[in-house]
Amino acid sequence: MKILSKKRIASFIGALIGGIAGYLYYYFIGCSTGSCAITSHPFNSIIYGAIMGYLLVSVFEKK
């Protein structure tokens, strides 16, 4: 049993890129009022981006 299979590496890379994209969204666009649930704090944006990146990669994985 391989711990780092291609499927897990692709999912990890997708989550990593999504997290970076989430932070960049927070930094450049963000929320000017501070009342936005996702974009008011960088941690929330990173987690949301990572989850979306993971889900996006998992849609295209072969079963």
PDB file of N, CA and C in Angstrom:
ATOM      1  N   MET A   1       0.837  -1.176   0.000  1.00  0.00           N
ATOM      2  CA  MET A   1       0.000   0.000   0.000  1.00  0.00           C
ATOM      3  C   MET A   1       0.886   1.245   0.000  1.00  0.00           C
ATOM      4  N   LYS A   2       0.696   2.052  -1.001  1.00  0.00           N
ATOM      5  CA  LYS A   2       1.473   3.275  -1.101  1.00  0.00           C
ATOM      6  C   LYS A   2       0.785   4.387  -0.318  1.00  0.00           C
ATOM      7  N   ILE A   3       1.558   5.080   0.475  1.00  0.00           N
ATOM      8  CA  ILE A   3       0.990   6.176   1.258  1.00  0.00           C
ATOM      9  C   ILE A   3       0.725   7.385   0.368  1.00  0.00           C
ATOM     10  N   LEU A   4       1.651   7.686  -0.515  1.00  0.00           N
ATOM     11  CA  LEU A   4       1.487   8.837  -1.402  1.00  0.00           C
ATOM     12  C   LEU A   4       1.182   8.369  -2.819  1.00  0.00           C
ATOM     13  N   SER A   5      -0.054   8.044  -3.049  1.00  0.00           N
ATOM     14  CA  SER A   5      -0.460   7.645  -4.387  1.00  0.00           C
ATOM     15  C   SER A   5      -0.667   8.888  -5.245  1.00  0.00           C
ATOM     16  N   LYS A   6      -0.806   8.689  -6.549  1.00  0.00           N
ATOM     17  CA  LYS A   6      -1.030   9.815  -7.454  1.00  0.00           C
ATOM     18  C   LYS A   6      -2.312  10.552  -7.113  1.00  0.00           C
ATOM     19  N   LYS A   7      -3.316   9.809  -6.675  1.00  0.00           N
ATOM     20  CA  LYS A   7      -4.602  10.400  -6.319  1.00  0.00           C
ATOM     21  C   LYS A   7      -4.453  11.347  -5.123  1.00  0.00           C
ATOM     22  N   ARG A   8      -3.710  10.929  -4.115  1.00  0.00           N
ATOM     23  CA  ARG A   8      -3.516  11.769  -2.933  1.00  0.00           C
ATOM     24  C   ARG A   8      -2.636  12.967  -3.232  1.00  0.00           C
ATOM     25  N   ILE A   9      -1.626  12.787  -4.062  1.00  0.00           N
ATOM     26  CA  ILE A   9      -0.762  13.905  -4.421  1.00  0.00           C
ATOM     27  C   ILE A   9      -1.551  14.946  -5.200  1.00  0.00           C
ATOM     28  N   ALA A  10      -2.383  14.509  -6.135  1.00  0.00           N
ATOM     29  CA  ALA A  10      -3.201  15.442  -6.913  1.00  0.00           C
ATOM     30  C   ALA A  10      -4.177  16.183  -5.999  1.00  0.00           C
ATOM     31  N   SER A  11      -4.777  15.494  -5.054  1.00  0.00           N
ATOM     32  CA  SER A  11      -5.696  16.136  -4.129  1.00  0.00           C
ATOM     33  C   SER A  11      -4.978  17.157  -3.252  1.00  0.00           C
ATOM     34  N   PHE A  12      -3.783  16.811  -2.793  1.00  0.00           N
ATOM     35  CA  PHE A  12      -2.996  17.716  -1.968  1.00  0.00           C
ATOM     36  C   PHE A  12      -2.602  18.965  -2.750  1.00  0.00           C
ATOM     37  N   ILE A  13      -2.172  18.777  -3.989  1.00  0.00           N
ATOM     38  CA  ILE A  13      -1.793  19.921  -4.820  1.00  0.00           C
ATOM     39  C   ILE A  13      -3.002  20.801  -5.097  1.00  0.00           C
ATOM     40  N   GLY A  14      -4.150  20.198  -5.353  1.00  0.00           N
ATOM     41  CA  GLY A  14      -5.376  20.968  -5.566  1.00  0.00           C
ATOM     42  C   GLY A  14      -5.748  21.788  -4.343  1.00  0.00           C
ATOM     43  N   ALA A  15      -5.636  21.183  -3.157  1.00  0.00           N
ATOM     44  CA  ALA A  15      -5.940  21.900  -1.922  1.00  0.00           C
ATOM     45  C   ALA A  15      -4.932  23.015  -1.678  1.00  0.00           C
ATOM     46  N   LEU A  16      -3.665  22.762  -1.976  1.00  0.00           N
ATOM     47  CA  LEU A  16      -2.625  23.775  -1.797  1.00  0.00           C
ATOM     48  C   LEU A  16      -2.855  24.970  -2.720  1.00  0.00           C
ATOM     49  N   ILE A  17      -3.117  24.707  -3.978  1.00  0.00           N
ATOM     50  CA  ILE A  17      -3.379  25.791  -4.936  1.00  0.00           C
ATOM     51  C   ILE A  17      -4.663  26.533  -4.557  1.00  0.00           C
ATOM     52  N   GLY A  18      -5.667  25.807  -4.110  1.00  0.00           N
ATOM     53  CA  GLY A  18      -6.905  26.445  -3.670  1.00  0.00           C
ATOM     54  C   GLY A  18      -6.697  27.334  -2.461  1.00  0.00           C
ATOM     55  N   GLY A  19      -5.866  26.896  -1.528  1.00  0.00           N
ATOM     56  CA  GLY A  19      -5.556  27.713  -0.358  1.00  0.00           C
ATOM     57  C   GLY A  19      -4.818  28.989  -0.728  1.00  0.00           C
ATOM     58  N   ILE A  20      -3.879  28.867  -1.651  1.00  0.00           N
ATOM     59  CA  ILE A  20      -3.160  30.053  -2.129  1.00  0.00           C
ATOM     60  C   ILE A  20      -4.118  30.993  -2.840  1.00  0.00           C
ATOM     61  N   ALA A  21      -4.988  30.441  -3.667  1.00  0.00           N
ATOM     62  CA  ALA A  21      -5.975  31.264  -4.375  1.00  0.00           C
ATOM     63  C   ALA A  21      -6.925  31.941  -3.385  1.00  0.00           C
ATOM     64  N   GLY A  22      -7.300  31.235  -2.325  1.00  0.00           N
ATOM     65  CA  GLY A  22      -8.163  31.820  -1.301  1.00  0.00           C
ATOM     66  C   GLY A  22      -7.500  32.989  -0.605  1.00  0.00           C
ATOM     67  N   TYR A  23      -6.212  32.837  -0.283  1.00  0.00           N
ATOM     68  CA  TYR A  23      -5.501  33.948   0.349  1.00  0.00           C
ATOM     69  C   TYR A  23      -5.363  35.123  -0.606  1.00  0.00           C
ATOM     70  N   LEU A  24      -5.045  34.851  -1.857  1.00  0.00           N
ATOM     71  CA  LEU A  24      -4.921  35.936  -2.837  1.00  0.00           C
ATOM     72  C   LEU A  24      -6.252  36.661  -3.028  1.00  0.00           C
ATOM     73  N   TYR A  25      -7.340  35.919  -2.987  1.00  0.00           N
ATOM     74  CA  TYR A  25      -8.655  36.548  -3.079  1.00  0.00           C
ATOM     75  C   TYR A  25      -8.887  37.464  -1.875  1.00  0.00           C
ATOM     76  N   TYR A  26      -8.536  36.977  -0.684  1.00  0.00           N
ATOM     77  CA  TYR A  26      -8.667  37.802   0.518  1.00  0.00           C
ATOM     78  C   TYR A  26      -7.802  39.055   0.411  1.00  0.00           C
ATOM     79  N   TYR A  27      -6.568  38.894  -0.034  1.00  0.00           N
ATOM     80  CA  TYR A  27      -5.615  40.007  -0.056  1.00  0.00           C
ATOM     81  C   TYR A  27      -5.993  41.068  -1.085  1.00  0.00           C
ATOM     82  N   PHE A  28      -6.341  40.657  -2.294  1.00  0.00           N
ATOM     83  CA  PHE A  28      -6.589  41.619  -3.356  1.00  0.00           C
ATOM     84  C   PHE A  28      -8.045  42.094  -3.441  1.00  0.00           C
ATOM     85  N   ILE A  29      -8.997  41.244  -3.097  1.00  0.00           N
ATOM     86  CA  ILE A  29     -10.407  41.616  -3.224  1.00  0.00           C
ATOM     87  C   ILE A  29     -11.025  41.768  -1.831  1.00  0.00           C
ATOM     88  N   GLY A  30     -11.014  40.709  -1.062  1.00  0.00           N
ATOM     89  CA  GLY A  30     -11.438  40.743   0.325  1.00  0.00           C
ATOM     90  C   GLY A  30     -12.805  41.332   0.577  1.00  0.00           C
ATOM     91  N   CYS A  31     -12.962  41.840   1.782  1.00  0.00           N
ATOM     92  CA  CYS A  31     -14.228  42.405   2.229  1.00  0.00           C
ATOM     93  C   CYS A  31     -13.922  43.737   2.913  1.00  0.00           C
ATOM     94  N   SER A  32     -14.397  44.799   2.356  1.00  0.00           N
ATOM     95  CA  SER A  32     -14.072  46.120   2.891  1.00  0.00           C
ATOM     96  C   SER A  32     -14.786  46.424   4.199  1.00  0.00           C
ATOM     97  N   THR A  33     -15.946  45.824   4.446  1.00  0.00           N
ATOM     98  CA  THR A  33     -16.702  46.124   5.655  1.00  0.00           C
ATOM     99  C   THR A  33     -16.353  45.211   6.822  1.00  0.00           C
ATOM    100  N   GLY A  34     -15.784  44.053   6.564  1.00  0.00           N
ATOM    101  CA  GLY A  34     -15.455  43.102   7.620  1.00  0.00           C
ATOM    102  C   GLY A  34     -16.615  42.223   8.038  1.00  0.00           C
ATOM    103  N   SER A  35     -17.736  42.320   7.357  1.00  0.00           N
ATOM    104  CA  SER A  35     -18.901  41.524   7.737  1.00  0.00           C
ATOM    105  C   SER A  35     -19.088  40.281   6.866  1.00  0.00           C
ATOM    106  N   CYS A  36     -18.208  40.066   5.920  1.00  0.00           N
ATOM    107  CA  CYS A  36     -18.304  38.889   5.042  1.00  0.00           C
ATOM    108  C   CYS A  36     -17.797  37.660   5.795  1.00  0.00           C
ATOM    109  N   ALA A  37     -18.537  36.588   5.738  1.00  0.00           N
ATOM    110  CA  ALA A  37     -18.192  35.392   6.511  1.00  0.00           C
ATOM    111  C   ALA A  37     -16.902  34.729   6.037  1.00  0.00           C
ATOM    112  N   ILE A  38     -16.688  34.661   4.752  1.00  0.00           N
ATOM    113  CA  ILE A  38     -15.529  33.941   4.229  1.00  0.00           C
ATOM    114  C   ILE A  38     -14.335  34.866   4.024  1.00  0.00           C
ATOM    115  N   THR A  39     -14.551  36.028   3.471  1.00  0.00           N
ATOM    116  CA  THR A  39     -13.426  36.872   3.073  1.00  0.00           C
ATOM    117  C   THR A  39     -13.034  37.933   4.094  1.00  0.00           C
ATOM    118  N   SER A  40     -13.601  37.907   5.296  1.00  0.00           N
ATOM    119  CA  SER A  40     -13.230  38.916   6.282  1.00  0.00           C
ATOM    120  C   SER A  40     -11.939  38.565   7.015  1.00  0.00           C
ATOM    121  N   HIS A  41     -11.562  37.281   7.048  1.00  0.00           N
ATOM    122  CA  HIS A  41     -10.339  36.829   7.707  1.00  0.00           C
ATOM    123  C   HIS A  41      -9.550  35.943   6.745  1.00  0.00           C
ATOM    124  N   PRO A  42      -8.228  36.063   6.744  1.00  0.00           N
ATOM    125  CA  PRO A  42      -7.435  35.255   5.805  1.00  0.00           C
ATOM    126  C   PRO A  42      -7.546  33.759   6.073  1.00  0.00           C
ATOM    127  N   PHE A  43      -7.663  33.360   7.325  1.00  0.00           N
ATOM    128  CA  PHE A  43      -7.769  31.932   7.636  1.00  0.00           C
ATOM    129  C   PHE A  43      -9.017  31.326   6.997  1.00  0.00           C
ATOM    130  N   ASN A  44     -10.138  32.029   7.093  1.00  0.00           N
ATOM    131  CA  ASN A  44     -11.379  31.529   6.487  1.00  0.00           C
ATOM    132  C   ASN A  44     -11.241  31.406   4.973  1.00  0.00           C
ATOM    133  N   SER A  45     -10.604  32.383   4.348  1.00  0.00           N
ATOM    134  CA  SER A  45     -10.423  32.352   2.898  1.00  0.00           C
ATOM    135  C   SER A  45      -9.518  31.209   2.473  1.00  0.00           C
ATOM    136  N   ILE A  46      -8.467  30.964   3.246  1.00  0.00           N
ATOM    137  CA  ILE A  46      -7.533  29.878   2.921  1.00  0.00           C
ATOM    138  C   ILE A  46      -8.222  28.528   3.045  1.00  0.00           C
ATOM    139  N   ILE A  47      -8.956  28.315   4.123  1.00  0.00           N
ATOM    140  CA  ILE A  47      -9.654  27.039   4.324  1.00  0.00           C
ATOM    141  C   ILE A  47     -10.698  26.822   3.241  1.00  0.00           C
ATOM    142  N   TYR A  48     -11.481  27.855   2.942  1.00  0.00           N
ATOM    143  CA  TYR A  48     -12.500  27.734   1.905  1.00  0.00           C
ATOM    144  C   TYR A  48     -11.855  27.438   0.546  1.00  0.00           C
ATOM    145  N   GLY A  49     -10.783  28.131   0.220  1.00  0.00           N
ATOM    146  CA  GLY A  49     -10.086  27.895  -1.045  1.00  0.00           C
ATOM    147  C   GLY A  49      -9.506  26.497  -1.120  1.00  0.00           C
ATOM    148  N   ALA A  50      -8.945  26.016  -0.020  1.00  0.00           N
ATOM    149  CA  ALA A  50      -8.374  24.670   0.002  1.00  0.00           C
ATOM    150  C   ALA A  50      -9.455  23.608  -0.209  1.00  0.00           C
ATOM    151  N   ILE A  51     -10.589  23.793   0.425  1.00  0.00           N
ATOM    152  CA  ILE A  51     -11.688  22.832   0.246  1.00  0.00           C
ATOM    153  C   ILE A  51     -12.186  22.851  -1.198  1.00  0.00           C
ATOM    154  N   MET A  52     -12.335  24.036  -1.757  1.00  0.00           N
ATOM    155  CA  MET A  52     -12.798  24.143  -3.148  1.00  0.00           C
ATOM    156  C   MET A  52     -11.769  23.558  -4.122  1.00  0.00           C
ATOM    157  N   GLY A  53     -10.485  23.781  -3.863  1.00  0.00           N
ATOM    158  CA  GLY A  53      -9.437  23.200  -4.704  1.00  0.00           C
ATOM    159  C   GLY A  53      -9.436  21.688  -4.646  1.00  0.00           C
ATOM    160  N   TYR A  54      -9.603  21.144  -3.437  1.00  0.00           N
ATOM    161  CA  TYR A  54      -9.673  19.697  -3.274  1.00  0.00           C
ATOM    162  C   TYR A  54     -10.869  19.114  -4.018  1.00  0.00           C
ATOM    163  N   LEU A  55     -12.015  19.753  -3.858  1.00  0.00           N
ATOM    164  CA  LEU A  55     -13.225  19.256  -4.528  1.00  0.00           C
ATOM    165  C   LEU A  55     -13.118  19.367  -6.045  1.00  0.00           C
ATOM    166  N   LEU A  56     -12.509  20.429  -6.525  1.00  0.00           N
ATOM    167  CA  LEU A  56     -12.349  20.589  -7.969  1.00  0.00           C
ATOM    168  C   LEU A  56     -11.471  19.491  -8.555  1.00  0.00           C
ATOM    169  N   VAL A  57     -10.379  19.170  -7.878  1.00  0.00           N
ATOM    170  CA  VAL A  57      -9.498  18.095  -8.356  1.00  0.00           C
ATOM    171  C   VAL A  57     -10.205  16.746  -8.268  1.00  0.00           C
ATOM    172  N   SER A  58     -10.953  16.516  -7.206  1.00  0.00           N
ATOM    173  CA  SER A  58     -11.606  15.223  -7.038  1.00  0.00           C
ATOM    174  C   SER A  58     -12.695  14.966  -8.064  1.00  0.00           C
ATOM    175  N   VAL A  59     -13.247  16.017  -8.659  1.00  0.00           N
ATOM    176  CA  VAL A  59     -14.260  15.853  -9.704  1.00  0.00           C
ATOM    177  C   VAL A  59     -13.635  15.190 -10.933  1.00  0.00           C
ATOM    178  N   PHE A  60     -12.387  15.509 -11.229  1.00  0.00           N
ATOM    179  CA  PHE A  60     -11.731  15.027 -12.438  1.00  0.00           C
ATOM    180  C   PHE A  60     -10.928  13.753 -12.241  1.00  0.00           C
ATOM    181  N   GLU A  61     -10.927  13.161 -11.026  1.00  0.00           N
ATOM    182  CA  GLU A  61     -10.174  11.943 -10.788  1.00  0.00           C
ATOM    183  C   GLU A  61     -10.885  10.748 -11.404  1.00  0.00           C
ATOM    184  N   LYS A  62     -10.083   9.819 -11.907  1.00  0.00           N
ATOM    185  CA  LYS A  62     -10.648   8.575 -12.430  1.00  0.00           C
ATOM    186  C   LYS A  62     -10.941   7.644 -11.270  1.00  0.00           C
ATOM    187  N   LYS A  63     -12.024   6.924 -11.381  1.00  0.00           N
ATOM    188  CA  LYS A  63     -12.413   6.004 -10.304  1.00  0.00           C
ATOM    189  C   LYS A  63     -11.971   4.599 -10.600  1.00  0.00           C
TER     190      LYS A  63
END
